[in-house]
Protein backbone atom coordinates (compact mmCIF):
# COMPACT_ATOMS: atom_id res chain seq x y z
CA MET A 1 -49.06 -3.46 -14.55
CA THR A 2 -50.73 -5.74 -12.39
CA VAL A 3 -49.54 -6.21 -8.55
CA HIS A 4 -50.60 -8.23 -5.22
CA LEU A 5 -49.77 -8.62 -2.21
CA PHE A 6 -50.31 -11.70 -0.03
CA PRO A 7 -49.57 -12.08 3.34
CA PHE A 8 -47.35 -15.74 3.23
CA LEU A 9 -47.13 -17.74 6.18
CA MET A 10 -44.24 -20.26 6.33
CA MET A 11 -45.11 -23.19 9.16
CA ASP A 12 -42.83 -25.20 11.03
CA GLY A 13 -43.87 -28.58 9.54
CA ASN A 14 -47.61 -27.45 10.47
CA ALA A 15 -48.76 -25.97 7.84
CA LYS A 16 -51.67 -28.61 7.66
CA GLU A 17 -52.85 -27.84 11.36
CA ALA A 18 -52.31 -24.31 10.86
CA ILE A 19 -54.99 -24.21 7.62
CA ALA A 20 -57.57 -26.54 9.37
CA PHE A 21 -57.20 -24.05 13.00
CA TYR A 22 -57.69 -20.84 10.32
CA LYS A 23 -60.94 -22.56 8.71
CA GLU A 24 -62.29 -22.90 11.90
CA ALA A 25 -61.32 -20.18 13.37
CA LEU A 26 -61.65 -17.23 10.91
CA ASP A 27 -63.93 -19.14 8.54
CA ALA A 28 -61.24 -19.54 5.61
CA GLU A 29 -61.83 -21.47 2.81
CA LEU A 30 -58.86 -23.45 1.28
CA LEU A 31 -58.65 -22.89 -2.28
CA PHE A 32 -55.34 -24.57 -3.44
CA ILE A 33 -53.04 -26.82 -1.65
CA GLN A 34 -50.04 -28.57 -3.18
CA GLN A 35 -48.17 -30.79 -1.51
CA PHE A 36 -44.09 -31.41 -1.97
CA GLY A 37 -44.83 -35.02 -2.92
CA ASP A 38 -47.32 -34.03 -5.80
CA GLY A 39 -43.62 -32.84 -7.52
CA PRO A 40 -41.35 -35.25 -8.90
CA GLY A 41 -38.19 -36.66 -7.00
CA ALA A 42 -39.10 -35.19 -3.86
CA PRO A 43 -37.53 -36.65 -0.63
CA GLU A 44 -39.87 -39.29 1.31
CA HIS A 45 -39.72 -37.07 4.33
CA LEU A 46 -40.93 -33.75 2.44
CA LYS A 47 -44.03 -35.70 0.47
CA ASP A 48 -46.75 -34.93 2.74
CA MET A 49 -45.26 -31.19 3.66
CA VAL A 50 -47.13 -28.24 2.16
CA ALA A 51 -45.35 -26.69 -0.64
CA HIS A 52 -48.21 -24.05 -1.28
CA SER A 53 -51.42 -23.04 -0.60
CA VAL A 54 -53.95 -20.79 -0.95
CA VAL A 55 -56.66 -19.67 2.13
CA LYS A 56 -59.51 -17.24 1.37
CA ILE A 57 -60.24 -15.18 4.66
CA GLY A 58 -63.07 -13.17 3.80
CA GLU A 59 -62.25 -11.11 0.79
CA THR A 60 -58.51 -11.42 1.17
CA SER A 61 -56.47 -14.72 0.03
CA ILE A 62 -53.64 -15.59 1.83
CA MET A 63 -50.61 -18.08 1.64
CA ILE A 64 -49.45 -20.95 3.75
CA SER A 65 -46.67 -23.90 2.95
CA ASP A 66 -44.16 -25.15 5.38
CA THR A 67 -40.83 -24.51 5.83
CA LEU A 68 -38.17 -26.57 4.03
CA PRO A 69 -35.85 -28.26 6.37
CA GLY A 70 -32.47 -26.56 7.04
CA ILE A 71 -34.09 -23.32 6.26
CA SER A 72 -33.95 -21.60 9.77
CA ARG A 73 -37.41 -20.11 10.59
CA GLN A 74 -37.77 -17.21 13.17
CA ILE A 75 -41.04 -15.99 14.64
CA GLY A 76 -40.74 -12.21 15.05
CA THR A 77 -42.96 -8.86 15.50
CA ASN A 78 -42.23 -7.10 12.34
CA VAL A 79 -45.11 -8.51 10.45
CA SER A 80 -48.65 -8.82 11.88
CA VAL A 81 -51.80 -9.72 9.71
CA CYS A 82 -54.48 -7.32 10.20
CA ILE A 83 -58.41 -8.36 10.34
CA ASN A 84 -60.90 -5.29 10.39
CA THR A 85 -64.87 -6.11 10.60
CA ASP A 86 -67.88 -4.84 10.17
CA ASP A 87 -69.31 -6.38 13.33
CA ILE A 88 -68.08 -7.05 16.88
CA GLY A 89 -69.11 -10.75 16.80
CA ILE A 90 -67.37 -11.58 14.39
CA THR A 91 -64.32 -9.85 15.60
CA THR A 92 -65.04 -11.50 19.15
CA LYS A 93 -65.23 -14.93 17.60
CA PHE A 94 -61.90 -14.61 15.77
CA TYR A 95 -60.14 -12.73 19.33
CA GLU A 96 -61.74 -16.23 21.03
CA LYS A 97 -60.75 -18.85 18.79
CA LEU A 98 -57.08 -17.14 18.42
CA LYS A 99 -56.04 -16.84 21.46
CA GLU A 100 -56.82 -20.40 22.61
CA GLU A 101 -53.14 -21.79 23.00
CA GLY A 102 -52.08 -18.38 21.94
CA GLN A 103 -51.26 -15.30 23.68
CA VAL A 104 -52.88 -12.10 23.86
CA LEU A 105 -50.98 -8.80 23.55
CA LEU A 106 -53.82 -6.49 23.89
CA PRO A 107 -57.42 -7.99 25.19
CA LEU A 108 -60.85 -7.26 23.32
CA GLN A 109 -61.65 -3.87 24.45
CA PRO A 110 -63.41 -0.73 23.00
CA VAL A 111 -61.32 1.95 21.09
CA HIS A 112 -61.70 5.23 19.96
CA TYR A 113 -62.38 4.30 16.40
CA GLY A 114 -64.69 1.56 16.72
CA PRO A 115 -66.60 -0.99 19.34
CA GLY A 116 -63.60 -3.29 19.47
CA SER A 117 -59.87 -4.00 18.84
CA ALA A 118 -57.03 -6.74 20.38
CA ILE A 119 -53.98 -8.06 19.59
CA VAL A 120 -53.36 -11.68 19.63
CA THR A 121 -50.26 -14.49 18.94
CA ASP A 122 -51.72 -17.82 17.96
CA LYS A 123 -50.23 -21.05 18.55
CA PHE A 124 -48.69 -20.86 15.25
CA GLY A 125 -46.47 -17.80 16.52
CA VAL A 126 -48.74 -15.62 13.90
CA THR A 127 -49.94 -12.30 15.35
CA PHE A 128 -53.26 -11.21 14.52
CA LEU A 129 -54.52 -7.30 15.15
CA ILE A 130 -58.35 -7.45 14.86
CA THR A 131 -60.96 -4.46 14.71
CA THR A 132 -64.33 -3.73 14.22
CA MET A 133 -64.83 -0.80 12.60
CA GLY A 134 -66.90 1.87 13.65
CA SER A 135 -68.45 2.88 10.58
CA GLU A 136 -67.72 2.63 6.70
CA ASP A 137 -66.30 6.13 6.94
CA ALA A 138 -63.77 4.75 9.51
CA VAL A 139 -63.01 1.66 7.39
CA ARG A 140 -62.26 3.95 4.17
CA ARG A 141 -60.48 7.00 6.15
CA GLY A 142 -58.18 3.88 7.46
CA HIS A 143 -56.96 2.30 4.14
CA GLN A 144 -56.90 6.13 2.39
CA MET A 145 -54.50 7.70 5.08
CA LYS A 146 -51.63 9.78 3.83
CA SER A 147 -48.25 10.37 5.45
CA SER A 148 -47.83 13.78 6.76
CA LEU A 149 -44.08 13.19 6.55
């Protein structure tokens, strides 16, 4: 059995703007995009909205679409996107771009496990945890931690 998990960002009619922003801010690459108008019978007001897209950031793909009108979208704090880098320069670049018109929750600063970490909610309401890990071993430990519960 194969299972893949992907962050799926639901936008409020501005998915194309978000994709363009992430392409610039995070060096993302648009792999696929489908608009509601690409399918049969789409109402005129939905034709240019994004039904589905796949965006690659580093080695990870995320999905982005517009929320259909009538479906409520609530920005919350229970889900965040974590970006780990091995270069403080890249972390700083991502931090600077994401905080434009966004909100800094934790400024970029050195931490015990690496040269820099920050938490930023971008202008689309998506919260990013951005961290530069101190070593490959620190990255491996972070992904292999087992709960003591």
